[in-house]
Amino acid sequence: MNIPAQRISGKRAKKLVDKGAILIDVRSPVDFRDGSIPGAINLSLRQISQLVREPRTKTLIFFSNSETDDDLKSATNYATQMGFTQVFSLGTKENWDK
């Protein structure tokens, strides 16, 4: 079942990151190296399973190249299927400053 991640503003995302949320950039490693949000980690779809080490109560905030990016949707769906209950979508890295 695909449950869309709740869209989150940059302002709210920053507050959640300050409280320990994980900020996840699902863009390509090249895009990530070219510039990302400070403190973000880069995980491809295949690497999302690494989050299994985290408590399911951990807040996860995902972003990509576009609001409608398939990898973004797939990553948030996968995290939800893994049992994470606090899964959000920032959309794009540009939304961090909005």
PDB file of N, CA and C in Angstrom:
ATOM      1  N   MET A   1       0.843  -1.187   0.000  1.00  0.00           N
ATOM      2  CA  MET A   1       0.000   0.000   0.000  1.00  0.00           C
ATOM      3  C   MET A   1       0.882   1.241   0.000  1.00  0.00           C
ATOM      4  N   ASN A   2       0.635   2.151  -0.913  1.00  0.00           N
ATOM      5  CA  ASN A   2       1.411   3.378  -0.988  1.00  0.00           C
ATOM      6  C   ASN A   2       0.699   4.494  -0.241  1.00  0.00           C
ATOM      7  N   ILE A   3       1.324   4.940   0.818  1.00  0.00           N
ATOM      8  CA  ILE A   3       0.792   6.056   1.585  1.00  0.00           C
ATOM      9  C   ILE A   3       1.719   7.232   1.332  1.00  0.00           C
ATOM     10  N   PRO A   4       1.219   8.311   0.711  1.00  0.00           N
ATOM     11  CA  PRO A   4       2.109   9.427   0.425  1.00  0.00           C
ATOM     12  C   PRO A   4       2.646  10.041   1.713  1.00  0.00           C
ATOM     13  N   ALA A   5       3.928  10.374   1.690  1.00  0.00           N
ATOM     14  CA  ALA A   5       4.541  11.021   2.850  1.00  0.00           C
ATOM     15  C   ALA A   5       3.957  12.414   2.999  1.00  0.00           C
ATOM     16  N   GLN A   6       3.841  12.832   4.224  1.00  0.00           N
ATOM     17  CA  GLN A   6       3.339  14.183   4.478  1.00  0.00           C
ATOM     18  C   GLN A   6       4.366  15.196   3.990  1.00  0.00           C
ATOM     19  N   ARG A   7       3.914  16.177   3.240  1.00  0.00           N
ATOM     20  CA  ARG A   7       4.773  17.259   2.749  1.00  0.00           C
ATOM     21  C   ARG A   7       5.108  18.159   3.918  1.00  0.00           C
ATOM     22  N   ILE A   8       6.349  18.591   3.997  1.00  0.00           N
ATOM     23  CA  ILE A   8       6.807  19.389   5.118  1.00  0.00           C
ATOM     24  C   ILE A   8       7.528  20.633   4.604  1.00  0.00           C
ATOM     25  N   SER A   9       7.392  21.735   5.316  1.00  0.00           N
ATOM     26  CA  SER A   9       8.077  22.978   4.932  1.00  0.00           C
ATOM     27  C   SER A   9       9.520  22.933   5.430  1.00  0.00           C
ATOM     28  N   GLY A  10      10.352  23.752   4.833  1.00  0.00           N
ATOM     29  CA  GLY A  10      11.735  23.849   5.281  1.00  0.00           C
ATOM     30  C   GLY A  10      11.831  24.274   6.735  1.00  0.00           C
ATOM     31  N   LYS A  11      10.978  25.194   7.128  1.00  0.00           N
ATOM     32  CA  LYS A  11      10.993  25.689   8.507  1.00  0.00           C
ATOM     33  C   LYS A  11      10.702  24.557   9.496  1.00  0.00           C
ATOM     34  N   ARG A  12       9.684  23.771   9.204  1.00  0.00           N
ATOM     35  CA  ARG A  12       9.350  22.650  10.091  1.00  0.00           C
ATOM     36  C   ARG A  12      10.426  21.564  10.032  1.00  0.00           C
ATOM     37  N   ALA A  13      10.972  21.328   8.834  1.00  0.00           N
ATOM     38  CA  ALA A  13      12.038  20.332   8.685  1.00  0.00           C
ATOM     39  C   ALA A  13      13.239  20.702   9.549  1.00  0.00           C
ATOM     40  N   LYS A  14      13.616  21.970   9.554  1.00  0.00           N
ATOM     41  CA  LYS A  14      14.757  22.417  10.360  1.00  0.00           C
ATOM     42  C   LYS A  14      14.508  22.151  11.835  1.00  0.00           C
ATOM     43  N   LYS A  15      13.296  22.420  12.297  1.00  0.00           N
ATOM     44  CA  LYS A  15      12.969  22.164  13.706  1.00  0.00           C
ATOM     45  C   LYS A  15      13.087  20.677  14.030  1.00  0.00           C
ATOM     46  N   LEU A  16      12.606  19.829  13.122  1.00  0.00           N
ATOM     47  CA  LEU A  16      12.677  18.383  13.356  1.00  0.00           C
ATOM     48  C   LEU A  16      14.120  17.873  13.311  1.00  0.00           C
ATOM     49  N   VAL A  17      14.933  18.422  12.396  1.00  0.00           N
ATOM     50  CA  VAL A  17      16.347  18.040  12.325  1.00  0.00           C
ATOM     51  C   VAL A  17      17.052  18.446  13.616  1.00  0.00           C
ATOM     52  N   ASP A  18      16.729  19.628  14.129  1.00  0.00           N
ATOM     53  CA  ASP A  18      17.318  20.069  15.398  1.00  0.00           C
ATOM     54  C   ASP A  18      16.973  19.117  16.534  1.00  0.00           C
ATOM     55  N   LYS A  19      15.844  18.424  16.408  1.00  0.00           N
ATOM     56  CA  LYS A  19      15.407  17.465  17.437  1.00  0.00           C
ATOM     57  C   LYS A  19      15.864  16.035  17.128  1.00  0.00           C
ATOM     58  N   GLY A  20      16.698  15.868  16.075  1.00  0.00           N
ATOM     59  CA  GLY A  20      17.257  14.553  15.796  1.00  0.00           C
ATOM     60  C   GLY A  20      16.748  13.826  14.563  1.00  0.00           C
ATOM     61  N   ALA A  21      15.908  14.473  13.758  1.00  0.00           N
ATOM     62  CA  ALA A  21      15.423  13.832  12.528  1.00  0.00           C
ATOM     63  C   ALA A  21      16.589  13.598  11.576  1.00  0.00           C
ATOM     64  N   ILE A  22      16.456  12.575  10.744  1.00  0.00           N
ATOM     65  CA  ILE A  22      17.461  12.277   9.726  1.00  0.00           C
ATOM     66  C   ILE A  22      16.996  12.883   8.402  1.00  0.00           C
ATOM     67  N   LEU A  23      17.862  13.668   7.787  1.00  0.00           N
ATOM     68  CA  LEU A  23      17.584  14.322   6.509  1.00  0.00           C
ATOM     69  C   LEU A  23      18.245  13.489   5.414  1.00  0.00           C
ATOM     70  N   ILE A  24      17.438  12.968   4.483  1.00  0.00           N
ATOM     71  CA  ILE A  24      17.928  12.005   3.501  1.00  0.00           C
ATOM     72  C   ILE A  24      17.752  12.533   2.079  1.00  0.00           C
ATOM     73  N   ASP A  25      18.885  12.668   1.398  1.00  0.00           N
ATOM     74  CA  ASP A  25      18.934  13.122   0.013  1.00  0.00           C
ATOM     75  C   ASP A  25      18.945  11.871  -0.867  1.00  0.00           C
ATOM     76  N   VAL A  26      17.883  11.657  -1.647  1.00  0.00           N
ATOM     77  CA  VAL A  26      17.809  10.464  -2.500  1.00  0.00           C
ATOM     78  C   VAL A  26      18.261  10.755  -3.934  1.00  0.00           C
ATOM     79  N   ARG A  27      18.874  11.913  -4.148  1.00  0.00           N
ATOM     80  CA  ARG A  27      19.407  12.231  -5.470  1.00  0.00           C
ATOM     81  C   ARG A  27      20.661  11.396  -5.728  1.00  0.00           C
ATOM     82  N   SER A  28      21.189  11.490  -6.928  1.00  0.00           N
ATOM     83  CA  SER A  28      22.383  10.725  -7.284  1.00  0.00           C
ATOM     84  C   SER A  28      23.586  11.197  -6.461  1.00  0.00           C
ATOM     85  N   PRO A  29      24.587  10.322  -6.291  1.00  0.00           N
ATOM     86  CA  PRO A  29      25.805  10.736  -5.580  1.00  0.00           C
ATOM     87  C   PRO A  29      26.477  11.956  -6.218  1.00  0.00           C
ATOM     88  N   VAL A  30      26.388  12.077  -7.540  1.00  0.00           N
ATOM     89  CA  VAL A  30      26.970  13.237  -8.225  1.00  0.00           C
ATOM     90  C   VAL A  30      26.236  14.509  -7.815  1.00  0.00           C
ATOM     91  N   ASP A  31      24.901  14.478  -7.830  1.00  0.00           N
ATOM     92  CA  ASP A  31      24.117  15.646  -7.399  1.00  0.00           C
ATOM     93  C   ASP A  31      24.425  15.986  -5.946  1.00  0.00           C
ATOM     94  N   PHE A  32      24.539  14.950  -5.122  1.00  0.00           N
ATOM     95  CA  PHE A  32      24.831  15.153  -3.699  1.00  0.00           C
ATOM     96  C   PHE A  32      26.183  15.844  -3.525  1.00  0.00           C
ATOM     97  N   ARG A  33      27.194  15.369  -4.250  1.00  0.00           N
ATOM     98  CA  ARG A  33      28.537  15.972  -4.159  1.00  0.00           C
ATOM     99  C   ARG A  33      28.544  17.410  -4.660  1.00  0.00           C
ATOM    100  N   ASP A  34      27.674  17.700  -5.627  1.00  0.00           N
ATOM    101  CA  ASP A  34      27.602  19.059  -6.177  1.00  0.00           C
ATOM    102  C   ASP A  34      26.934  20.042  -5.231  1.00  0.00           C
ATOM    103  N   GLY A  35      26.342  19.530  -4.168  1.00  0.00           N
ATOM    104  CA  GLY A  35      25.739  20.409  -3.169  1.00  0.00           C
ATOM    105  C   GLY A  35      24.447  19.861  -2.624  1.00  0.00           C
ATOM    106  N   SER A  36      24.377  19.786  -1.313  1.00  0.00           N
ATOM    107  CA  SER A  36      23.178  19.301  -0.654  1.00  0.00           C
ATOM    108  C   SER A  36      22.910  20.167   0.567  1.00  0.00           C
ATOM    109  N   ILE A  37      21.955  19.784   1.343  1.00  0.00           N
ATOM    110  CA  ILE A  37      21.647  20.492   2.579  1.00  0.00           C
ATOM    111  C   ILE A  37      22.660  20.037   3.629  1.00  0.00           C
ATOM    112  N   PRO A  38      23.279  20.963   4.348  1.00  0.00           N
ATOM    113  CA  PRO A  38      24.247  20.554   5.378  1.00  0.00           C
ATOM    114  C   PRO A  38      23.625  19.558   6.363  1.00  0.00           C
ATOM    115  N   GLY A  39      24.363  18.485   6.607  1.00  0.00           N
ATOM    116  CA  GLY A  39      23.901  17.466   7.540  1.00  0.00           C
ATOM    117  C   GLY A  39      23.099  16.346   6.907  1.00  0.00           C
ATOM    118  N   ALA A  40      22.726  16.502   5.633  1.00  0.00           N
ATOM    119  CA  ALA A  40      21.952  15.456   4.955  1.00  0.00           C
ATOM    120  C   ALA A  40      22.856  14.264   4.645  1.00  0.00           C
ATOM    121  N   ILE A  41      22.243  13.079   4.598  1.00  0.00           N
ATOM    122  CA  ILE A  41      22.960  11.893   4.149  1.00  0.00           C
ATOM    123  C   ILE A  41      22.415  11.515   2.775  1.00  0.00           C
ATOM    124  N   ASN A  42      23.245  10.874   1.976  1.00  0.00           N
ATOM    125  CA  ASN A  42      22.849  10.483   0.622  1.00  0.00           C
ATOM    126  C   ASN A  42      22.598   8.981   0.596  1.00  0.00           C
ATOM    127  N   LEU A  43      21.351   8.593   0.364  1.00  0.00           N
ATOM    128  CA  LEU A  43      20.991   7.186   0.262  1.00  0.00           C
ATOM    129  C   LEU A  43      20.214   6.969  -1.029  1.00  0.00           C
ATOM    130  N   SER A  44      20.675   6.037  -1.845  1.00  0.00           N
ATOM    131  CA  SER A  44      19.913   5.661  -3.037  1.00  0.00           C
ATOM    132  C   SER A  44      18.765   4.760  -2.591  1.00  0.00           C
ATOM    133  N   LEU A  45      17.875   4.474  -3.509  1.00  0.00           N
ATOM    134  CA  LEU A  45      16.762   3.570  -3.176  1.00  0.00           C
ATOM    135  C   LEU A  45      17.271   2.241  -2.634  1.00  0.00           C
ATOM    136  N   ARG A  46      18.336   1.716  -3.250  1.00  0.00           N
ATOM    137  CA  ARG A  46      18.887   0.431  -2.811  1.00  0.00           C
ATOM    138  C   ARG A  46      19.486   0.513  -1.413  1.00  0.00           C
ATOM    139  N   GLN A  47      19.862   1.697  -0.981  1.00  0.00           N
ATOM    140  CA  GLN A  47      20.493   1.859   0.326  1.00  0.00           C
ATOM    141  C   GLN A  47      19.513   2.179   1.450  1.00  0.00           C
ATOM    142  N   ILE A  48      18.259   2.433   1.125  1.00  0.00           N
ATOM    143  CA  ILE A  48      17.272   2.797   2.144  1.00  0.00           C
ATOM    144  C   ILE A  48      17.179   1.712   3.223  1.00  0.00           C
ATOM    145  N   SER A  49      17.429   0.468   2.834  1.00  0.00           N
ATOM    146  CA  SER A  49      17.355  -0.630   3.805  1.00  0.00           C
ATOM    147  C   SER A  49      18.353  -0.453   4.959  1.00  0.00           C
ATOM    148  N   GLN A  50      19.378   0.369   4.771  1.00  0.00           N
ATOM    149  CA  GLN A  50      20.330   0.642   5.853  1.00  0.00           C
ATOM    150  C   GLN A  50      19.653   1.306   7.050  1.00  0.00           C
ATOM    151  N   LEU A  51      18.499   1.905   6.823  1.00  0.00           N
ATOM    152  CA  LEU A  51      17.775   2.555   7.915  1.00  0.00           C
ATOM    153  C   LEU A  51      17.217   1.552   8.911  1.00  0.00           C
ATOM    154  N   VAL A  52      17.311   0.263   8.594  1.00  0.00           N
ATOM    155  CA  VAL A  52      16.802  -0.779   9.479  1.00  0.00           C
ATOM    156  C   VAL A  52      17.465  -0.694  10.862  1.00  0.00           C
ATOM    157  N   ARG A  53      18.644  -0.106  10.915  1.00  0.00           N
ATOM    158  CA  ARG A  53      19.371   0.048  12.190  1.00  0.00           C
ATOM    159  C   ARG A  53      18.749   1.113  13.094  1.00  0.00           C
ATOM    160  N   GLU A  54      17.928   1.962  12.520  1.00  0.00           N
ATOM    161  CA  GLU A  54      17.332   3.080  13.273  1.00  0.00           C
ATOM    162  C   GLU A  54      16.031   2.643  13.962  1.00  0.00           C
ATOM    163  N   PRO A  55      15.734   3.244  15.128  1.00  0.00           N
ATOM    164  CA  PRO A  55      14.441   2.954  15.760  1.00  0.00           C
ATOM    165  C   PRO A  55      13.299   3.412  14.854  1.00  0.00           C
ATOM    166  N   ARG A  56      12.224   2.667  14.828  1.00  0.00           N
ATOM    167  CA  ARG A  56      11.098   2.988  13.935  1.00  0.00           C
ATOM    168  C   ARG A  56      10.399   4.290  14.319  1.00  0.00           C
ATOM    169  N   THR A  57      10.725   4.820  15.489  1.00  0.00           N
ATOM    170  CA  THR A  57      10.156   6.097  15.912  1.00  0.00           C
ATOM    171  C   THR A  57      10.985   7.285  15.425  1.00  0.00           C
ATOM    172  N   LYS A  58      12.123   7.010  14.787  1.00  0.00           N
ATOM    173  CA  LYS A  58      12.996   8.074  14.267  1.00  0.00           C
ATOM    174  C   LYS A  58      12.275   8.830  13.151  1.00  0.00           C
ATOM    175  N   THR A  59      12.387  10.144  13.164  1.00  0.00           N
ATOM    176  CA  THR A  59      11.782  10.964  12.121  1.00  0.00           C
ATOM    177  C   THR A  59      12.703  11.003  10.906  1.00  0.00           C
ATOM    178  N   LEU A  60      12.137  10.733   9.730  1.00  0.00           N
ATOM    179  CA  LEU A  60      12.883  10.731   8.476  1.00  0.00           C
ATOM    180  C   LEU A  60      12.317  11.794   7.549  1.00  0.00           C
ATOM    181  N   ILE A  61      13.196  12.600   6.970  1.00  0.00           N
ATOM    182  CA  ILE A  61      12.788  13.637   6.026  1.00  0.00           C
ATOM    183  C   ILE A  61      13.553  13.408   4.721  1.00  0.00           C
ATOM    184  N   PHE A  62      12.835  13.129   3.659  1.00  0.00           N
ATOM    185  CA  PHE A  62      13.430  12.829   2.360  1.00  0.00           C
ATOM    186  C   PHE A  62      13.297  14.017   1.408  1.00  0.00           C
ATOM    187  N   PHE A  63      14.279  14.155   0.492  1.00  0.00           N
ATOM    188  CA  PHE A  63      14.149  15.126  -0.588  1.00  0.00           C
ATOM    189  C   PHE A  63      14.903  14.631  -1.810  1.00  0.00           C
ATOM    190  N   SER A  64      14.567  15.209  -2.983  1.00  0.00           N
ATOM    191  CA  SER A  64      15.148  14.793  -4.247  1.00  0.00           C
ATOM    192  C   SER A  64      15.225  15.979  -5.201  1.00  0.00           C
ATOM    193  N   ASN A  65      15.269  15.684  -6.509  1.00  0.00           N
ATOM    194  CA  ASN A  65      15.368  16.741  -7.517  1.00  0.00           C
ATOM    195  C   ASN A  65      14.043  17.431  -7.805  1.00  0.00           C
ATOM    196  N   SER A  66      12.942  16.735  -7.561  1.00  0.00           N
ATOM    197  CA  SER A  66      11.641  17.314  -7.872  1.00  0.00           C
ATOM    198  C   SER A  66      10.584  16.765  -6.921  1.00  0.00           C
ATOM    199  N   GLU A  67       9.532  17.522  -6.768  1.00  0.00           N
ATOM    200  CA  GLU A  67       8.427  17.133  -5.877  1.00  0.00           C
ATOM    201  C   GLU A  67       7.792  15.822  -6.318  1.00  0.00           C
ATOM    202  N   THR A  68       7.835  15.552  -7.629  1.00  0.00           N
ATOM    203  CA  THR A  68       7.157  14.378  -8.177  1.00  0.00           C
ATOM    204  C   THR A  68       8.134  13.261  -8.551  1.00  0.00           C
ATOM    205  N   ASP A  69       9.348  13.351  -8.072  1.00  0.00           N
ATOM    206  CA  ASP A  69      10.390  12.370  -8.385  1.00  0.00           C
ATOM    207  C   ASP A  69       9.972  10.967  -7.931  1.00  0.00           C
ATOM    208  N   ASP A  70      10.077   9.995  -8.831  1.00  0.00           N
ATOM    209  CA  ASP A  70       9.691   8.616  -8.500  1.00  0.00           C
ATOM    210  C   ASP A  70      10.544   8.039  -7.374  1.00  0.00           C
ATOM    211  N   ASP A  71      11.846   8.366  -7.362  1.00  0.00           N
ATOM    212  CA  ASP A  71      12.707   7.864  -6.284  1.00  0.00           C
ATOM    213  C   ASP A  71      12.282   8.422  -4.931  1.00  0.00           C
ATOM    214  N   LEU A  72      11.843   9.666  -4.917  1.00  0.00           N
ATOM    215  CA  LEU A  72      11.374  10.281  -3.675  1.00  0.00           C
ATOM    216  C   LEU A  72      10.134   9.547  -3.167  1.00  0.00           C
ATOM    217  N   LYS A  73       9.187   9.315  -4.058  1.00  0.00           N
ATOM    218  CA  LYS A  73       7.967   8.593  -3.674  1.00  0.00           C
ATOM    219  C   LYS A  73       8.288   7.178  -3.222  1.00  0.00           C
ATOM    220  N   SER A  74       9.153   6.501  -3.953  1.00  0.00           N
ATOM    221  CA  SER A  74       9.513   5.125  -3.612  1.00  0.00           C
ATOM    222  C   SER A  74      10.242   5.058  -2.270  1.00  0.00           C
ATOM    223  N   ALA A  75      11.141   6.003  -2.026  1.00  0.00           N
ATOM    224  CA  ALA A  75      11.898   6.017  -0.769  1.00  0.00           C
ATOM    225  C   ALA A  75      10.985   6.219   0.434  1.00  0.00           C
ATOM    226  N   THR A  76      10.046   7.164   0.320  1.00  0.00           N
ATOM    227  CA  THR A  76       9.142   7.403   1.453  1.00  0.00           C
ATOM    228  C   THR A  76       8.208   6.212   1.649  1.00  0.00           C
ATOM    229  N   ASN A  77       7.753   5.609   0.554  1.00  0.00           N
ATOM    230  CA  ASN A  77       6.902   4.416   0.668  1.00  0.00           C
ATOM    231  C   ASN A  77       7.660   3.268   1.326  1.00  0.00           C
ATOM    232  N   TYR A  78       8.901   3.061   0.915  1.00  0.00           N
ATOM    233  CA  TYR A  78       9.719   1.984   1.463  1.00  0.00           C
ATOM    234  C   TYR A  78       9.933   2.189   2.961  1.00  0.00           C
ATOM    235  N   ALA A  79      10.249   3.421   3.357  1.00  0.00           N
ATOM    236  CA  ALA A  79      10.460   3.712   4.785  1.00  0.00           C
ATOM    237  C   ALA A  79       9.187   3.429   5.582  1.00  0.00           C
ATOM    238  N   THR A  80       8.053   3.776   5.023  1.00  0.00           N
ATOM    239  CA  THR A  80       6.771   3.503   5.689  1.00  0.00           C
ATOM    240  C   THR A  80       6.535   2.000   5.794  1.00  0.00           C
ATOM    241  N   GLN A  81       6.833   1.277   4.722  1.00  0.00           N
ATOM    242  CA  GLN A  81       6.670  -0.176   4.734  1.00  0.00           C
ATOM    243  C   GLN A  81       7.622  -0.842   5.732  1.00  0.00           C
ATOM    244  N   MET A  82       8.772  -0.213   5.988  1.00  0.00           N
ATOM    245  CA  MET A  82       9.721  -0.737   6.967  1.00  0.00           C
ATOM    246  C   MET A  82       9.233  -0.518   8.397  1.00  0.00           C
ATOM    247  N   GLY A  83       8.184   0.282   8.544  1.00  0.00           N
ATOM    248  CA  GLY A  83       7.609   0.491   9.865  1.00  0.00           C
ATOM    249  C   GLY A  83       7.873   1.850  10.481  1.00  0.00           C
ATOM    250  N   PHE A  84       8.525   2.742   9.738  1.00  0.00           N
ATOM    251  CA  PHE A  84       8.743   4.090  10.262  1.00  0.00           C
ATOM    252  C   PHE A  84       7.423   4.843  10.251  1.00  0.00           C
ATOM    253  N   THR A  85       7.156   5.549  11.334  1.00  0.00           N
ATOM    254  CA  THR A  85       5.861   6.219  11.474  1.00  0.00           C
ATOM    255  C   THR A  85       5.946   7.721  11.234  1.00  0.00           C
ATOM    256  N   GLN A  86       7.156   8.278  11.280  1.00  0.00           N
ATOM    257  CA  GLN A  86       7.340   9.712  11.066  1.00  0.00           C
ATOM    258  C   GLN A  86       8.156   9.913   9.789  1.00  0.00           C
ATOM    259  N   VAL A  87       7.483   9.842   8.640  1.00  0.00           N
ATOM    260  CA  VAL A  87       8.134   9.946   7.337  1.00  0.00           C
ATOM    261  C   VAL A  87       7.585  11.177   6.616  1.00  0.00           C
ATOM    262  N   PHE A  88       8.492  12.076   6.243  1.00  0.00           N
ATOM    263  CA  PHE A  88       8.091  13.323   5.603  1.00  0.00           C
ATOM    264  C   PHE A  88       8.830  13.531   4.294  1.00  0.00           C
ATOM    265  N   SER A  89       8.240  14.351   3.425  1.00  0.00           N
ATOM    266  CA  SER A  89       8.866  14.737   2.167  1.00  0.00           C
ATOM    267  C   SER A  89       9.068  16.249   2.163  1.00  0.00           C
ATOM    268  N   LEU A  90      10.319  16.654   2.007  1.00  0.00           N
ATOM    269  CA  LEU A  90      10.629  18.073   1.852  1.00  0.00           C
ATOM    270  C   LEU A  90      10.415  18.493   0.399  1.00  0.00           C
ATOM    271  N   GLY A  91      10.397  17.522  -0.489  1.00  0.00           N
ATOM    272  CA  GLY A  91      10.277  17.811  -1.922  1.00  0.00           C
ATOM    273  C   GLY A  91      11.662  17.971  -2.511  1.00  0.00           C
ATOM    274  N   THR A  92      12.114  19.229  -2.636  1.00  0.00           N
ATOM    275  CA  THR A  92      13.442  19.506  -3.199  1.00  0.00           C
ATOM    276  C   THR A  92      14.314  20.206  -2.165  1.00  0.00           C
ATOM    277  N   LYS A  93      15.618  20.216  -2.423  1.00  0.00           N
ATOM    278  CA  LYS A  93      16.523  20.872  -1.471  1.00  0.00           C
ATOM    279  C   LYS A  93      16.268  22.381  -1.421  1.00  0.00           C
ATOM    280  N   GLU A  94      15.742  22.932  -2.506  1.00  0.00           N
ATOM    281  CA  GLU A  94      15.427  24.367  -2.519  1.00  0.00           C
ATOM    282  C   GLU A  94      14.348  24.724  -1.495  1.00  0.00           C
ATOM    283  N   ASN A  95      13.523  23.747  -1.139  1.00  0.00           N
ATOM    284  CA  ASN A  95      12.450  23.996  -0.154  1.00  0.00           C
ATOM    285  C   ASN A  95      12.998  24.156   1.266  1.00  0.00           C
ATOM    286  N   TRP A  96      14.259  23.807   1.484  1.00  0.00           N
ATOM    287  CA  TRP A  96      14.878  23.927   2.806  1.00  0.00           C
ATOM    288  C   TRP A  96      14.824  25.376   3.289  1.00  0.00           C
ATOM    289  N   ASP A  97      14.967  26.329   2.363  1.00  0.00           N
ATOM    290  CA  ASP A  97      14.979  27.744   2.731  1.00  0.00           C
ATOM    291  C   ASP A  97      13.628  28.416   2.618  1.00  0.00           C
ATOM    292  N   LYS A  98      12.557  27.612   2.515  1.00  0.00           N
ATOM    293  CA  LYS A  98      11.213  28.183   2.397  1.00  0.00           C
ATOM    294  C   LYS A  98      10.413  27.926   3.651  1.00  0.00           C
TER     295      LYS A  98
END
